[in-house]
Amino acid sequence: MTKWSGVQIRNVRSRVEDTLHVGDSLRVEAELYLDDIAAEHVLVQLYAGPLAQDGSFAHRQLTVMAPEGERRDGWQLFSGSTRPAEAGRFGFTVRAAPVHPLLADPHSLGLIRWASPA
C-alpha cells in the first residue's frame, strides 16, 4: 500500500450545462493518478445524490466507474453514469479505494481518496 499514498483524483467533470432533469443520464469523467497501480486494483466510484440545504449529500448513490483510454504518465481516465431520481439540487464527486480479492471491504483500511473540491 506504499504507492497508494500517491493516488490522486483530478478533472472531475460532466457535460451538463445548467439543468439536469429527473431521469436524465449524467455521465461523469475523472482522471486518476495511479502511478503504476493497475486499474483493476482500484475501486473508483461516482458518489452522487440530492443536496441538503447546507450543501451536504442528503443521501447518495454509488456507481462504479470504469477505466477508459490509455494511461499517460500514470494518469487514467475513468467514467460512470447516474440518473437523478428526484428533483432539486444535485451534486457529485468521485472517490477511490484499493481493491484486492483478499480484501473483504475496500473501505476498511481507511485509504479512501476523494476528489478535491473544484
PDB file of N, CA and C in Angstrom:
ATOM      1  N   MET A   1       0.811  -1.204   0.000  1.00  0.00           N
ATOM      2  CA  MET A   1       0.000   0.000   0.000  1.00  0.00           C
ATOM      3  C   MET A   1       0.853   1.267   0.000  1.00  0.00           C
ATOM      4  N   THR A   2       2.167   1.117  -0.105  1.00  0.00           N
ATOM      5  CA  THR A   2       3.007   2.314  -0.067  1.00  0.00           C
ATOM      6  C   THR A   2       2.736   3.244  -1.248  1.00  0.00           C
ATOM      7  N   LYS A   3       2.410   2.693  -2.404  1.00  0.00           N
ATOM      8  CA  LYS A   3       2.123   3.539  -3.567  1.00  0.00           C
ATOM      9  C   LYS A   3       0.765   4.222  -3.453  1.00  0.00           C
ATOM     10  N   TRP A   4      -0.130   3.695  -2.611  1.00  0.00           N
ATOM     11  CA  TRP A   4      -1.476   4.254  -2.504  1.00  0.00           C
ATOM     12  C   TRP A   4      -1.441   5.713  -2.058  1.00  0.00           C
ATOM     13  N   SER A   5      -0.459   6.101  -1.287  1.00  0.00           N
ATOM     14  CA  SER A   5      -0.395   7.486  -0.803  1.00  0.00           C
ATOM     15  C   SER A   5      -0.258   8.486  -1.952  1.00  0.00           C
ATOM     16  N   GLY A   6       0.180   8.030  -3.121  1.00  0.00           N
ATOM     17  CA  GLY A   6       0.328   8.917  -4.268  1.00  0.00           C
ATOM     18  C   GLY A   6      -0.901   9.008  -5.162  1.00  0.00           C
ATOM     19  N   VAL A   7      -1.938   8.206  -4.884  1.00  0.00           N
ATOM     20  CA  VAL A   7      -3.141   8.230  -5.724  1.00  0.00           C
ATOM     21  C   VAL A   7      -3.820   9.593  -5.608  1.00  0.00           C
ATOM     22  N   GLN A   8      -4.175  10.178  -6.756  1.00  0.00           N
ATOM     23  CA  GLN A   8      -4.826  11.491  -6.802  1.00  0.00           C
ATOM     24  C   GLN A   8      -5.996  11.455  -7.782  1.00  0.00           C
ATOM     25  N   ILE A   9      -6.968  12.329  -7.550  1.00  0.00           N
ATOM     26  CA  ILE A   9      -8.122  12.464  -8.442  1.00  0.00           C
ATOM     27  C   ILE A   9      -8.192  13.920  -8.891  1.00  0.00           C
ATOM     28  N   ARG A  10      -8.346  14.126 -10.201  1.00  0.00           N
ATOM     29  CA  ARG A  10      -8.439  15.493 -10.723  1.00  0.00           C
ATOM     30  C   ARG A  10      -9.425  15.525 -11.898  1.00  0.00           C
ATOM     31  N   ASN A  11      -9.754  16.734 -12.313  1.00  0.00           N
ATOM     32  CA  ASN A  11     -10.584  16.962 -13.503  1.00  0.00           C
ATOM     33  C   ASN A  11     -11.887  16.173 -13.488  1.00  0.00           C
ATOM     34  N   VAL A  12     -12.598  16.219 -12.365  1.00  0.00           N
ATOM     35  CA  VAL A  12     -13.929  15.612 -12.298  1.00  0.00           C
ATOM     36  C   VAL A  12     -14.869  16.531 -13.068  1.00  0.00           C
ATOM     37  N   ARG A  13     -15.553  15.973 -14.068  1.00  0.00           N
ATOM     38  CA  ARG A  13     -16.382  16.833 -14.918  1.00  0.00           C
ATOM     39  C   ARG A  13     -17.549  16.053 -15.525  1.00  0.00           C
ATOM     40  N   SER A  14     -18.566  16.822 -15.897  1.00  0.00           N
ATOM     41  CA  SER A  14     -19.695  16.294 -16.656  1.00  0.00           C
ATOM     42  C   SER A  14     -20.006  17.300 -17.755  1.00  0.00           C
ATOM     43  N   ARG A  15     -20.876  16.926 -18.652  1.00  0.00           N
ATOM     44  CA  ARG A  15     -21.203  17.821 -19.769  1.00  0.00           C
ATOM     45  C   ARG A  15     -22.546  18.516 -19.576  1.00  0.00           C
ATOM     46  N   VAL A  16     -23.066  18.530 -18.376  1.00  0.00           N
ATOM     47  CA  VAL A  16     -24.338  19.204 -18.103  1.00  0.00           C
ATOM     48  C   VAL A  16     -24.076  20.703 -18.026  1.00  0.00           C
ATOM     49  N   GLU A  17     -24.810  21.468 -18.803  1.00  0.00           N
ATOM     50  CA  GLU A  17     -24.624  22.919 -18.817  1.00  0.00           C
ATOM     51  C   GLU A  17     -25.138  23.556 -17.528  1.00  0.00           C
ATOM     52  N   ASP A  18     -26.432  23.373 -17.233  1.00  0.00           N
ATOM     53  CA  ASP A  18     -27.018  24.049 -16.084  1.00  0.00           C
ATOM     54  C   ASP A  18     -28.129  23.233 -15.446  1.00  0.00           C
ATOM     55  N   THR A  19     -28.988  22.618 -16.263  1.00  0.00           N
ATOM     56  CA  THR A  19     -30.165  21.939 -15.748  1.00  0.00           C
ATOM     57  C   THR A  19     -30.108  20.452 -16.065  1.00  0.00           C
ATOM     58  N   LEU A  20     -30.414  19.653 -15.062  1.00  0.00           N
ATOM     59  CA  LEU A  20     -30.500  18.204 -15.200  1.00  0.00           C
ATOM     60  C   LEU A  20     -31.886  17.803 -14.725  1.00  0.00           C
ATOM     61  N   HIS A  21     -32.621  17.078 -15.532  1.00  0.00           N
ATOM     62  CA  HIS A  21     -33.981  16.688 -15.178  1.00  0.00           C
ATOM     63  C   HIS A  21     -34.007  15.290 -14.564  1.00  0.00           C
ATOM     64  N   VAL A  22     -35.019  15.022 -13.749  1.00  0.00           N
ATOM     65  CA  VAL A  22     -35.197  13.703 -13.148  1.00  0.00           C
ATOM     66  C   VAL A  22     -35.192  12.658 -14.260  1.00  0.00           C
ATOM     67  N   GLY A  23     -34.380  11.631 -14.086  1.00  0.00           N
ATOM     68  CA  GLY A  23     -34.299  10.554 -15.068  1.00  0.00           C
ATOM     69  C   GLY A  23     -33.282  10.759 -16.167  1.00  0.00           C
ATOM     70  N   ASP A  24     -32.770  11.994 -16.325  1.00  0.00           N
ATOM     71  CA  ASP A  24     -31.719  12.235 -17.319  1.00  0.00           C
ATOM     72  C   ASP A  24     -30.442  11.509 -16.898  1.00  0.00           C
ATOM     73  N   SER A  25     -29.692  11.046 -17.862  1.00  0.00           N
ATOM     74  CA  SER A  25     -28.423  10.403 -17.575  1.00  0.00           C
ATOM     75  C   SER A  25     -27.343  11.464 -17.368  1.00  0.00           C
ATOM     76  N   LEU A  26     -26.571  11.301 -16.329  1.00  0.00           N
ATOM     77  CA  LEU A  26     -25.451  12.195 -16.039  1.00  0.00           C
ATOM     78  C   LEU A  26     -24.168  11.380 -16.142  1.00  0.00           C
ATOM     79  N   ARG A  27     -23.362  11.675 -17.149  1.00  0.00           N
ATOM     80  CA  ARG A  27     -22.077  10.992 -17.333  1.00  0.00           C
ATOM     81  C   ARG A  27     -20.994  11.854 -16.690  1.00  0.00           C
ATOM     82  N   VAL A  28     -20.172  11.225 -15.881  1.00  0.00           N
ATOM     83  CA  VAL A  28     -19.099  11.923 -15.173  1.00  0.00           C
ATOM     84  C   VAL A  28     -17.776  11.253 -15.521  1.00  0.00           C
ATOM     85  N   GLU A  29     -16.766  12.069 -15.743  1.00  0.00           N
ATOM     86  CA  GLU A  29     -15.414  11.590 -16.007  1.00  0.00           C
ATOM     87  C   GLU A  29     -14.479  12.156 -14.949  1.00  0.00           C
ATOM     88  N   ALA A  30     -13.423  11.415 -14.670  1.00  0.00           N
ATOM     89  CA  ALA A  30     -12.391  11.879 -13.743  1.00  0.00           C
ATOM     90  C   ALA A  30     -11.066  11.251 -14.141  1.00  0.00           C
ATOM     91  N   GLU A  31      -9.994  11.965 -13.885  1.00  0.00           N
ATOM     92  CA  GLU A  31      -8.654  11.437 -14.111  1.00  0.00           C
ATOM     93  C   GLU A  31      -8.070  11.041 -12.765  1.00  0.00           C
ATOM     94  N   LEU A  32      -7.489   9.857 -12.722  1.00  0.00           N
ATOM     95  CA  LEU A  32      -6.846   9.378 -11.502  1.00  0.00           C
ATOM     96  C   LEU A  32      -5.378   9.127 -11.762  1.00  0.00           C
ATOM     97  N   TYR A  33      -4.543   9.597 -10.841  1.00  0.00           N
ATOM     98  CA  TYR A  33      -3.122   9.295 -10.911  1.00  0.00           C
ATOM     99  C   TYR A  33      -2.923   7.987 -10.166  1.00  0.00           C
ATOM    100  N   LEU A  34      -2.557   6.951 -10.893  1.00  0.00           N
ATOM    101  CA  LEU A  34      -2.388   5.623 -10.304  1.00  0.00           C
ATOM    102  C   LEU A  34      -0.930   5.220 -10.196  1.00  0.00           C
ATOM    103  N   ASP A  35      -0.033   6.050 -10.724  1.00  0.00           N
ATOM    104  CA  ASP A  35       1.380   5.707 -10.771  1.00  0.00           C
ATOM    105  C   ASP A  35       1.486   4.366 -11.481  1.00  0.00           C
ATOM    106  N   ASP A  36       1.958   3.319 -10.837  1.00  0.00           N
ATOM    107  CA  ASP A  36       1.993   2.020 -11.524  1.00  0.00           C
ATOM    108  C   ASP A  36       1.041   1.015 -10.886  1.00  0.00           C
ATOM    109  N   ILE A  37       0.006   1.495 -10.192  1.00  0.00           N
ATOM    110  CA  ILE A  37      -1.035   0.612  -9.661  1.00  0.00           C
ATOM    111  C   ILE A  37      -1.969   0.256 -10.819  1.00  0.00           C
ATOM    112  N   ALA A  38      -2.258  -1.021 -10.991  1.00  0.00           N
ATOM    113  CA  ALA A  38      -3.151  -1.464 -12.067  1.00  0.00           C
ATOM    114  C   ALA A  38      -4.579  -1.010 -11.776  1.00  0.00           C
ATOM    115  N   ALA A  39      -5.300  -0.602 -12.818  1.00  0.00           N
ATOM    116  CA  ALA A  39      -6.674  -0.105 -12.663  1.00  0.00           C
ATOM    117  C   ALA A  39      -7.577  -1.134 -11.989  1.00  0.00           C
ATOM    118  N   GLU A  40      -7.330  -2.418 -12.205  1.00  0.00           N
ATOM    119  CA  GLU A  40      -8.174  -3.446 -11.575  1.00  0.00           C
ATOM    120  C   GLU A  40      -7.968  -3.548 -10.062  1.00  0.00           C
ATOM    121  N   HIS A  41      -6.966  -2.868  -9.540  1.00  0.00           N
ATOM    122  CA  HIS A  41      -6.722  -2.850  -8.095  1.00  0.00           C
ATOM    123  C   HIS A  41      -7.260  -1.584  -7.438  1.00  0.00           C
ATOM    124  N   VAL A  42      -8.082  -0.837  -8.187  1.00  0.00           N
ATOM    125  CA  VAL A  42      -8.655   0.409  -7.676  1.00  0.00           C
ATOM    126  C   VAL A  42     -10.162   0.394  -7.911  1.00  0.00           C
ATOM    127  N   LEU A  43     -10.930   0.647  -6.853  1.00  0.00           N
ATOM    128  CA  LEU A  43     -12.380   0.804  -6.956  1.00  0.00           C
ATOM    129  C   LEU A  43     -12.658   2.298  -7.041  1.00  0.00           C
ATOM    130  N   VAL A  44     -13.123   2.748  -8.206  1.00  0.00           N
ATOM    131  CA  VAL A  44     -13.432   4.163  -8.415  1.00  0.00           C
ATOM    132  C   VAL A  44     -14.947   4.291  -8.460  1.00  0.00           C
ATOM    133  N   GLN A  45     -15.492   5.189  -7.633  1.00  0.00           N
ATOM    134  CA  GLN A  45     -16.938   5.337  -7.529  1.00  0.00           C
ATOM    135  C   GLN A  45     -17.373   6.779  -7.756  1.00  0.00           C
ATOM    136  N   LEU A  46     -18.454   6.913  -8.505  1.00  0.00           N
ATOM    137  CA  LEU A  46     -19.170   8.176  -8.631  1.00  0.00           C
ATOM    138  C   LEU A  46     -20.094   8.256  -7.424  1.00  0.00           C
ATOM    139  N   TYR A  47     -19.931   9.285  -6.619  1.00  0.00           N
ATOM    140  CA  TYR A  47     -20.687   9.495  -5.384  1.00  0.00           C
ATOM    141  C   TYR A  47     -21.619  10.657  -5.685  1.00  0.00           C
ATOM    142  N   ALA A  48     -22.927  10.389  -5.816  1.00  0.00           N
ATOM    143  CA  ALA A  48     -23.858  11.414  -6.296  1.00  0.00           C
ATOM    144  C   ALA A  48     -25.172  11.353  -5.533  1.00  0.00           C
ATOM    145  N   GLY A  49     -25.887  12.473  -5.541  1.00  0.00           N
ATOM    146  CA  GLY A  49     -27.207  12.484  -4.926  1.00  0.00           C
ATOM    147  C   GLY A  49     -27.718  13.883  -4.687  1.00  0.00           C
ATOM    148  N   PRO A  50     -28.946  13.966  -4.169  1.00  0.00           N
ATOM    149  CA  PRO A  50     -29.531  15.266  -3.861  1.00  0.00           C
ATOM    150  C   PRO A  50     -28.772  15.934  -2.717  1.00  0.00           C
ATOM    151  N   LEU A  51     -28.732  17.265  -2.760  1.00  0.00           N
ATOM    152  CA  LEU A  51     -28.006  18.024  -1.745  1.00  0.00           C
ATOM    153  C   LEU A  51     -28.970  18.629  -0.730  1.00  0.00           C
ATOM    154  N   ALA A  52     -28.555  18.611   0.525  1.00  0.00           N
ATOM    155  CA  ALA A  52     -29.304  19.272   1.594  1.00  0.00           C
ATOM    156  C   ALA A  52     -29.052  20.779   1.508  1.00  0.00           C
ATOM    157  N   GLN A  53     -29.760  21.539   2.326  1.00  0.00           N
ATOM    158  CA  GLN A  53     -29.610  22.999   2.304  1.00  0.00           C
ATOM    159  C   GLN A  53     -28.190  23.448   2.603  1.00  0.00           C
ATOM    160  N   ASP A  54     -27.481  22.697   3.436  1.00  0.00           N
ATOM    161  CA  ASP A  54     -26.110  23.083   3.784  1.00  0.00           C
ATOM    162  C   ASP A  54     -25.077  22.632   2.746  1.00  0.00           C
ATOM    163  N   GLY A  55     -25.529  21.989   1.661  1.00  0.00           N
ATOM    164  CA  GLY A  55     -24.622  21.553   0.606  1.00  0.00           C
ATOM    165  C   GLY A  55     -24.104  20.138   0.769  1.00  0.00           C
ATOM    166  N   SER A  56     -24.415  19.490   1.885  1.00  0.00           N
ATOM    167  CA  SER A  56     -24.006  18.100   2.081  1.00  0.00           C
ATOM    168  C   SER A  56     -24.973  17.180   1.328  1.00  0.00           C
ATOM    169  N   PHE A  57     -24.574  15.945   1.147  1.00  0.00           N
ATOM    170  CA  PHE A  57     -25.448  14.987   0.478  1.00  0.00           C
ATOM    171  C   PHE A  57     -26.563  14.560   1.421  1.00  0.00           C
ATOM    172  N   ALA A  58     -27.822  14.712   0.973  1.00  0.00           N
ATOM    173  CA  ALA A  58     -28.972  14.260   1.759  1.00  0.00           C
ATOM    174  C   ALA A  58     -28.966  12.734   1.823  1.00  0.00           C
ATOM    175  N   HIS A  59     -28.720  12.095   0.738  1.00  0.00           N
ATOM    176  CA  HIS A  59     -28.414  10.675   0.625  1.00  0.00           C
ATOM    177  C   HIS A  59     -27.639  10.507  -0.672  1.00  0.00           C
ATOM    178  N   ARG A  60     -27.092   9.334  -0.890  1.00  0.00           N
ATOM    179  CA  ARG A  60     -26.211   9.213  -2.041  1.00  0.00           C
ATOM    180  C   ARG A  60     -26.419   7.907  -2.794  1.00  0.00           C
ATOM    181  N   GLN A  61     -26.031   7.955  -4.066  1.00  0.00           N
ATOM    182  CA  GLN A  61     -25.985   6.796  -4.939  1.00  0.00           C
ATOM    183  C   GLN A  61     -24.520   6.553  -5.262  1.00  0.00           C
ATOM    184  N   LEU A  62     -24.103   5.298  -5.254  1.00  0.00           N
ATOM    185  CA  LEU A  62     -22.737   4.965  -5.642  1.00  0.00           C
ATOM    186  C   LEU A  62     -22.771   4.190  -6.948  1.00  0.00           C
ATOM    187  N   THR A  63     -21.960   4.613  -7.889  1.00  0.00           N
ATOM    188  CA  THR A  63     -21.855   3.951  -9.183  1.00  0.00           C
ATOM    189  C   THR A  63     -20.387   3.660  -9.444  1.00  0.00           C
ATOM    190  N   VAL A  64     -20.072   2.426  -9.788  1.00  0.00           N
ATOM    191  CA  VAL A  64     -18.693   2.076 -10.114  1.00  0.00           C
ATOM    192  C   VAL A  64     -18.332   2.720 -11.449  1.00  0.00           C
ATOM    193  N   MET A  65     -17.178   3.358 -11.468  1.00  0.00           N
ATOM    194  CA  MET A  65     -16.673   3.988 -12.691  1.00  0.00           C
ATOM    195  C   MET A  65     -15.661   3.043 -13.341  1.00  0.00           C
ATOM    196  N   ALA A  66     -15.633   3.037 -14.666  1.00  0.00           N
ATOM    197  CA  ALA A  66     -14.765   2.126 -15.416  1.00  0.00           C
ATOM    198  C   ALA A  66     -13.604   2.884 -16.052  1.00  0.00           C
ATOM    199  N   PRO A  67     -12.440   2.228 -16.160  1.00  0.00           N
ATOM    200  CA  PRO A  67     -11.309   2.870 -16.832  1.00  0.00           C
ATOM    201  C   PRO A  67     -11.566   2.982 -18.330  1.00  0.00           C
ATOM    202  N   GLU A  68     -11.063   4.058 -18.906  1.00  0.00           N
ATOM    203  CA  GLU A  68     -11.191   4.297 -20.348  1.00  0.00           C
ATOM    204  C   GLU A  68      -9.854   4.768 -20.885  1.00  0.00           C
ATOM    205  N   GLY A  69      -9.618   4.487 -22.135  1.00  0.00           N
ATOM    206  CA  GLY A  69      -8.457   5.044 -22.819  1.00  0.00           C
ATOM    207  C   GLY A  69      -7.130   4.547 -22.280  1.00  0.00           C
ATOM    208  N   GLU A  70      -6.104   5.152 -22.791  1.00  0.00           N
ATOM    209  CA  GLU A  70      -4.737   4.798 -22.429  1.00  0.00           C
ATOM    210  C   GLU A  70      -4.278   5.569 -21.200  1.00  0.00           C
ATOM    211  N   ARG A  71      -3.407   4.943 -20.446  1.00  0.00           N
ATOM    212  CA  ARG A  71      -2.772   5.646 -19.334  1.00  0.00           C
ATOM    213  C   ARG A  71      -1.660   6.523 -19.897  1.00  0.00           C
ATOM    214  N   ARG A  72      -1.567   7.732 -19.360  1.00  0.00           N
ATOM    215  CA  ARG A  72      -0.500   8.646 -19.770  1.00  0.00           C
ATOM    216  C   ARG A  72       0.176   9.177 -18.525  1.00  0.00           C
ATOM    217  N   ASP A  73       1.454   8.972 -18.416  1.00  0.00           N
ATOM    218  CA  ASP A  73       2.226   9.497 -17.290  1.00  0.00           C
ATOM    219  C   ASP A  73       1.612   9.113 -15.949  1.00  0.00           C
ATOM    220  N   GLY A  74       1.039   7.924 -15.864  1.00  0.00           N
ATOM    221  CA  GLY A  74       0.442   7.469 -14.611  1.00  0.00           C
ATOM    222  C   GLY A  74      -1.006   7.870 -14.423  1.00  0.00           C
ATOM    223  N   TRP A  75      -1.569   8.713 -15.309  1.00  0.00           N
ATOM    224  CA  TRP A  75      -2.961   9.174 -15.206  1.00  0.00           C
ATOM    225  C   TRP A  75      -3.866   8.289 -16.045  1.00  0.00           C
ATOM    226  N   GLN A  76      -5.025   7.941 -15.496  1.00  0.00           N
ATOM    227  CA  GLN A  76      -6.008   7.082 -16.176  1.00  0.00           C
ATOM    228  C   GLN A  76      -7.370   7.758 -16.117  1.00  0.00           C
ATOM    229  N   LEU A  77      -8.073   7.776 -17.244  1.00  0.00           N
ATOM    230  CA  LEU A  77      -9.423   8.330 -17.296  1.00  0.00           C
ATOM    231  C   LEU A  77     -10.432   7.264 -16.872  1.00  0.00           C
ATOM    232  N   PHE A  78     -11.378   7.646 -15.991  1.00  0.00           N
ATOM    233  CA  PHE A  78     -12.481   6.781 -15.568  1.00  0.00           C
ATOM    234  C   PHE A  78     -13.783   7.502 -15.867  1.00  0.00           C
ATOM    235  N   SER A  79     -14.845   6.727 -16.148  1.00  0.00           N
ATOM    236  CA  SER A  79     -16.151   7.340 -16.377  1.00  0.00           C
ATOM    237  C   SER A  79     -17.253   6.465 -15.788  1.00  0.00           C
ATOM    238  N   GLY A  80     -18.367   7.115 -15.504  1.00  0.00           N
ATOM    239  CA  GLY A  80     -19.545   6.421 -14.996  1.00  0.00           C
ATOM    240  C   GLY A  80     -20.760   7.307 -15.166  1.00  0.00           C
ATOM    241  N   SER A  81     -21.942   6.713 -15.073  1.00  0.00           N
ATOM    242  CA  SER A  81     -23.188   7.466 -15.255  1.00  0.00           C
ATOM    243  C   SER A  81     -24.160   7.173 -14.127  1.00  0.00           C
ATOM    244  N   THR A  82     -25.000   8.154 -13.852  1.00  0.00           N
ATOM    245  CA  THR A  82     -26.063   8.009 -12.863  1.00  0.00           C
ATOM    246  C   THR A  82     -27.285   8.762 -13.373  1.00  0.00           C
ATOM    247  N   ARG A  83     -28.425   8.525 -12.749  1.00  0.00           N
ATOM    248  CA  ARG A  83     -29.672   9.212 -13.111  1.00  0.00           C
ATOM    249  C   ARG A  83     -30.318   9.739 -11.836  1.00  0.00           C
ATOM    250  N   PRO A  84     -30.485  11.046 -11.720  1.00  0.00           N
ATOM    251  CA  PRO A  84     -31.172  11.593 -10.548  1.00  0.00           C
ATOM    252  C   PRO A  84     -32.595  11.044 -10.465  1.00  0.00           C
ATOM    253  N   ALA A  85     -32.984  10.614  -9.268  1.00  0.00           N
ATOM    254  CA  ALA A  85     -34.316  10.032  -9.070  1.00  0.00           C
ATOM    255  C   ALA A  85     -35.306  11.038  -8.509  1.00  0.00           C
ATOM    256  N   GLU A  86     -34.834  12.225  -8.146  1.00  0.00           N
ATOM    257  CA  GLU A  86     -35.734  13.235  -7.592  1.00  0.00           C
ATOM    258  C   GLU A  86     -35.283  14.629  -8.010  1.00  0.00           C
ATOM    259  N   ALA A  87     -36.205  15.568  -7.931  1.00  0.00           N
ATOM    260  CA  ALA A  87     -35.921  16.956  -8.314  1.00  0.00           C
ATOM    261  C   ALA A  87     -35.170  17.675  -7.194  1.00  0.00           C
ATOM    262  N   GLY A  88     -34.526  18.776  -7.541  1.00  0.00           N
ATOM    263  CA  GLY A  88     -33.815  19.590  -6.559  1.00  0.00           C
ATOM    264  C   GLY A  88     -32.335  19.675  -6.883  1.00  0.00           C
ATOM    265  N   ARG A  89     -31.609  20.280  -5.960  1.00  0.00           N
ATOM    266  CA  ARG A  89     -30.156  20.416  -6.146  1.00  0.00           C
ATOM    267  C   ARG A  89     -29.513  19.035  -6.104  1.00  0.00           C
ATOM    268  N   PHE A  90     -28.565  18.817  -6.997  1.00  0.00           N
ATOM    269  CA  PHE A  90     -27.925  17.514  -7.157  1.00  0.00           C
ATOM    270  C   PHE A  90     -26.424  17.731  -7.233  1.00  0.00           C
ATOM    271  N   GLY A  91     -25.669  16.920  -6.544  1.00  0.00           N
ATOM    272  CA  GLY A  91     -24.223  17.064  -6.565  1.00  0.00           C
ATOM    273  C   GLY A  91     -23.537  15.741  -6.830  1.00  0.00           C
ATOM    274  N   PHE A  92     -22.247  15.818  -7.121  1.00  0.00           N
ATOM    275  CA  PHE A  92     -21.469  14.596  -7.320  1.00  0.00           C
ATOM    276  C   PHE A  92     -20.002  14.859  -7.043  1.00  0.00           C
ATOM    277  N   THR A  93     -19.304  13.796  -6.712  1.00  0.00           N
ATOM    278  CA  THR A  93     -17.863  13.808  -6.565  1.00  0.00           C
ATOM    279  C   THR A  93     -17.380  12.405  -6.909  1.00  0.00           C
ATOM    280  N   VAL A  94     -16.092  12.172  -6.782  1.00  0.00           N
ATOM    281  CA  VAL A  94     -15.513  10.870  -7.100  1.00  0.00           C
ATOM    282  C   VAL A  94     -14.610  10.457  -5.954  1.00  0.00           C
ATOM    283  N   ARG A  95     -14.629   9.165  -5.651  1.00  0.00           N
ATOM    284  CA  ARG A  95     -13.729   8.633  -4.633  1.00  0.00           C
ATOM    285  C   ARG A  95     -13.094   7.342  -5.147  1.00  0.00           C
ATOM    286  N   ALA A  96     -11.979   6.960  -4.538  1.00  0.00           N
ATOM    287  CA  ALA A  96     -11.268   5.746  -4.935  1.00  0.00           C
ATOM    288  C   ALA A  96     -10.779   5.020  -3.694  1.00  0.00           C
ATOM    289  N   ALA A  97     -10.752   3.696  -3.782  1.00  0.00           N
ATOM    290  CA  ALA A  97     -10.264   2.862  -2.685  1.00  0.00           C
ATOM    291  C   ALA A  97      -9.511   1.677  -3.290  1.00  0.00           C
ATOM    292  N   PRO A  98      -8.536   1.137  -2.559  1.00  0.00           N
ATOM    293  CA  PRO A  98      -7.841  -0.043  -3.071  1.00  0.00           C
ATOM    294  C   PRO A  98      -8.778  -1.247  -3.046  1.00  0.00           C
ATOM    295  N   VAL A  99      -8.593  -2.147  -3.995  1.00  0.00           N
ATOM    296  CA  VAL A  99      -9.401  -3.364  -4.042  1.00  0.00           C
ATOM    297  C   VAL A  99      -8.485  -4.548  -4.363  1.00  0.00           C
ATOM    298  N   HIS A 100      -8.773  -5.659  -3.709  1.00  0.00           N
ATOM    299  CA  HIS A 100      -7.980  -6.872  -3.896  1.00  0.00           C
ATOM    300  C   HIS A 100      -8.848  -8.054  -3.490  1.00  0.00           C
ATOM    301  N   PRO A 101      -8.695  -9.214  -4.141  1.00  0.00           N
ATOM    302  CA  PRO A 101      -9.528 -10.373  -3.793  1.00  0.00           C
ATOM    303  C   PRO A 101      -9.445 -10.776  -2.317  1.00  0.00           C
ATOM    304  N   LEU A 102      -8.339 -10.525  -1.665  1.00  0.00           N
ATOM    305  CA  LEU A 102      -8.182 -10.900  -0.259  1.00  0.00           C
ATOM    306  C   LEU A 102      -8.667  -9.818   0.706  1.00  0.00           C
ATOM    307  N   LEU A 103      -9.117  -8.708   0.173  1.00  0.00           N
ATOM    308  CA  LEU A 103      -9.605  -7.600   0.990  1.00  0.00           C
ATOM    309  C   LEU A 103     -11.130  -7.649   1.006  1.00  0.00           C
ATOM    310  N   ALA A 104     -11.709  -7.971   2.172  1.00  0.00           N
ATOM    311  CA  ALA A 104     -13.164  -8.149   2.278  1.00  0.00           C
ATOM    312  C   ALA A 104     -13.923  -6.854   2.003  1.00  0.00           C
ATOM    313  N   ASP A 105     -13.447  -5.748   2.543  1.00  0.00           N
ATOM    314  CA  ASP A 105     -14.125  -4.462   2.388  1.00  0.00           C
ATOM    315  C   ASP A 105     -13.091  -3.412   1.997  1.00  0.00           C
ATOM    316  N   PRO A 106     -13.195  -2.848   0.788  1.00  0.00           N
ATOM    317  CA  PRO A 106     -12.181  -1.882   0.349  1.00  0.00           C
ATOM    318  C   PRO A 106     -12.119  -0.622   1.202  1.00  0.00           C
ATOM    319  N   HIS A 107     -13.148  -0.366   1.999  1.00  0.00           N
ATOM    320  CA  HIS A 107     -13.171   0.841   2.824  1.00  0.00           C
ATOM    321  C   HIS A 107     -12.603   0.606   4.227  1.00  0.00           C
ATOM    322  N   SER A 108     -12.340  -0.655   4.571  1.00  0.00           N
ATOM    323  CA  SER A 108     -11.922  -0.979   5.933  1.00  0.00           C
ATOM    324  C   SER A 108     -10.528  -0.472   6.290  1.00  0.00           C
ATOM    325  N   LEU A 109      -9.708  -0.198   5.318  1.00  0.00           N
ATOM    326  CA  LEU A 109      -8.341   0.251   5.594  1.00  0.00           C
ATOM    327  C   LEU A 109      -8.228   1.751   5.820  1.00  0.00           C
ATOM    328  N   GLY A 110      -9.304   2.481   5.577  1.00  0.00           N
ATOM    329  CA  GLY A 110      -9.259   3.931   5.754  1.00  0.00           C
ATOM    330  C   GLY A 110      -8.410   4.638   4.715  1.00  0.00           C
ATOM    331  N   LEU A 111      -8.323   4.075   3.525  1.00  0.00           N
ATOM    332  CA  LEU A 111      -7.461   4.638   2.484  1.00  0.00           C
ATOM    333  C   LEU A 111      -8.239   5.312   1.362  1.00  0.00           C
ATOM    334  N   ILE A 112      -9.469   5.674   1.601  1.00  0.00           N
ATOM    335  CA  ILE A 112     -10.285   6.297   0.557  1.00  0.00           C
ATOM    336  C   ILE A 112      -9.685   7.643   0.160  1.00  0.00           C
ATOM    337  N   ARG A 113      -9.582   7.857  -1.142  1.00  0.00           N
ATOM    338  CA  ARG A 113      -9.145   9.140  -1.695  1.00  0.00           C
ATOM    339  C   ARG A 113     -10.369   9.811  -2.306  1.00  0.00           C
ATOM    340  N   TRP A 114     -10.545  11.087  -2.028  1.00  0.00           N
ATOM    341  CA  TRP A 114     -11.663  11.866  -2.557  1.00  0.00           C
ATOM    342  C   TRP A 114     -11.135  12.910  -3.524  1.00  0.00           C
ATOM    343  N   ALA A 115     -11.938  13.229  -4.523  1.00  0.00           N
ATOM    344  CA  ALA A 115     -11.600  14.327  -5.426  1.00  0.00           C
ATOM    345  C   ALA A 115     -11.563  15.616  -4.624  1.00  0.00           C
ATOM    346  N   SER A 116     -10.628  16.475  -4.941  1.00  0.00           N
ATOM    347  CA  SER A 116     -10.559  17.778  -4.284  1.00  0.00           C
ATOM    348  C   SER A 116     -11.702  18.645  -4.783  1.00  0.00           C
ATOM    349  N   PRO A 117     -12.255  19.497  -3.914  1.00  0.00           N
ATOM    350  CA  PRO A 117     -13.317  20.403  -4.375  1.00  0.00           C
ATOM    351  C   PRO A 117     -12.806  21.305  -5.494  1.00  0.00           C
ATOM    352  N   ALA A 118     -13.687  21.577  -6.445  1.00  0.00           N
ATOM    353  CA  ALA A 118     -13.297  22.421  -7.588  1.00  0.00           C
ATOM    354  C   ALA A 118     -13.193  23.868  -7.174  1.00  0.00           C
TER     355      ALA A 118
END
